[in-house]
Amino acid sequence: MLAVNYSNIRNNLKNYCDKVTDEYETVVVTRKNEKNVVLLSLVEYNALTKAARNAEYLNMLDRAMEQIARGEGKLHELIEADDE
């Protein structure tokens, strides 16, 4: 991970973008008042958001299994698909 100030990244944006995409580097852009931002590749961003969605889904399943274990589940009839 690299930490770069705003002026440096502004003057060398292409080089830092190449580091992010070609070398899978993460760049923290430091700014005044700790309003920092992170520059990362779209591939890395997509992987992070997918992992977060998967974790959220697995937590939902864990909560559902805990409810079932406590006897809080509900029985529903299956809905049959119409044969058309």
Protein backbone atom coordinates (compact mmCIF):
# COMPACT_ATOMS: atom_id res chain seq x y z
CA MET A 1 0.00 0.00 0.00
CA LEU A 2 1.29 3.44 -0.92
CA ALA A 3 0.40 6.71 0.76
CA VAL A 4 0.68 9.72 -1.54
CA ASN A 5 -0.29 13.33 -0.97
CA TYR A 6 -2.85 15.00 -3.20
CA SER A 7 -0.34 17.17 -5.09
CA ASN A 8 1.89 14.21 -5.89
CA ILE A 9 -0.96 12.08 -7.22
CA ARG A 10 -2.30 14.98 -9.27
CA ASN A 11 1.09 15.46 -10.93
CA ASN A 12 1.67 11.73 -11.50
CA LEU A 13 -1.83 10.31 -11.89
CA LYS A 14 -1.05 8.08 -14.88
CA ASN A 15 1.92 6.47 -13.10
CA TYR A 16 -0.13 5.74 -9.99
CA CYS A 17 -3.05 4.41 -12.04
CA ASP A 18 -0.61 2.08 -13.79
CA LYS A 19 0.73 0.87 -10.42
CA VAL A 20 -2.82 0.20 -9.25
CA THR A 21 -3.88 -1.73 -12.34
CA ASP A 22 -0.62 -3.40 -13.37
CA GLU A 23 0.94 -4.12 -9.98
CA TYR A 24 -2.28 -4.45 -7.92
CA GLU A 25 -1.05 -1.67 -5.63
CA THR A 26 -3.47 0.21 -3.39
CA VAL A 27 -2.84 3.95 -3.15
CA VAL A 28 -4.07 6.07 -0.25
CA VAL A 29 -4.37 9.70 -1.29
CA THR A 30 -3.76 11.81 1.79
CA ARG A 31 -5.66 15.08 2.01
CA LYS A 32 -6.18 17.85 4.53
CA ASN A 33 -8.44 17.24 7.53
CA GLU A 34 -8.00 13.47 7.12
CA LYS A 35 -10.35 13.38 4.13
CA ASN A 36 -8.26 10.63 2.58
CA VAL A 37 -9.38 8.49 -0.33
CA VAL A 38 -8.22 5.15 -1.72
CA LEU A 39 -7.34 4.39 -5.32
CA LEU A 40 -7.72 0.74 -6.27
CA SER A 41 -8.38 -1.20 -9.45
CA LEU A 42 -11.87 -2.05 -10.59
CA VAL A 43 -10.97 -5.74 -10.32
CA GLU A 44 -10.02 -5.28 -6.65
CA TYR A 45 -13.10 -3.13 -5.96
CA ASN A 46 -15.39 -5.77 -7.50
CA ALA A 47 -13.73 -8.50 -5.43
CA LEU A 48 -14.18 -6.50 -2.23
CA THR A 49 -17.84 -5.73 -2.90
CA LYS A 50 -18.52 -9.36 -3.83
CA ALA A 51 -16.87 -10.54 -0.60
CA ALA A 52 -18.97 -8.07 1.39
CA ARG A 53 -22.19 -9.24 -0.30
CA ASN A 54 -21.25 -12.88 0.31
CA ALA A 55 -20.50 -12.20 3.97
CA GLU A 56 -23.84 -10.42 4.37
CA TYR A 57 -25.67 -13.34 2.75
CA LEU A 58 -23.88 -15.90 4.92
CA ASN A 59 -24.74 -13.90 8.05
CA MET A 60 -28.39 -13.89 6.98
CA LEU A 61 -28.28 -17.69 6.57
CA ASP A 62 -26.63 -18.07 9.98
CA ARG A 63 -29.39 -15.97 11.61
CA ALA A 64 -32.04 -18.05 9.85
CA MET A 65 -30.46 -21.31 11.03
CA GLU A 66 -30.34 -19.96 14.59
CA GLN A 67 -34.04 -19.07 14.38
CA ILE A 68 -34.85 -22.56 13.16
CA ALA A 69 -32.78 -24.10 15.97
CA ARG A 70 -34.79 -22.05 18.48
CA GLY A 71 -38.03 -23.32 16.94
CA GLU A 72 -38.92 -19.96 15.42
CA GLY A 73 -39.19 -21.24 11.86
CA LYS A 74 -42.44 -21.25 9.89
CA LEU A 75 -43.72 -24.05 7.71
CA HIS A 76 -45.00 -23.04 4.27
CA GLU A 77 -46.50 -25.06 1.46
CA LEU A 78 -44.43 -25.27 -1.69
CA ILE A 79 -45.68 -23.33 -4.66
CA GLU A 80 -45.94 -25.56 -7.69
CA ALA A 81 -45.02 -24.13 -11.06
CA ASP A 82 -47.87 -24.13 -13.58
CA ASP A 83 -47.29 -26.51 -16.49
CA GLU A 84 -47.87 -24.43 -19.57
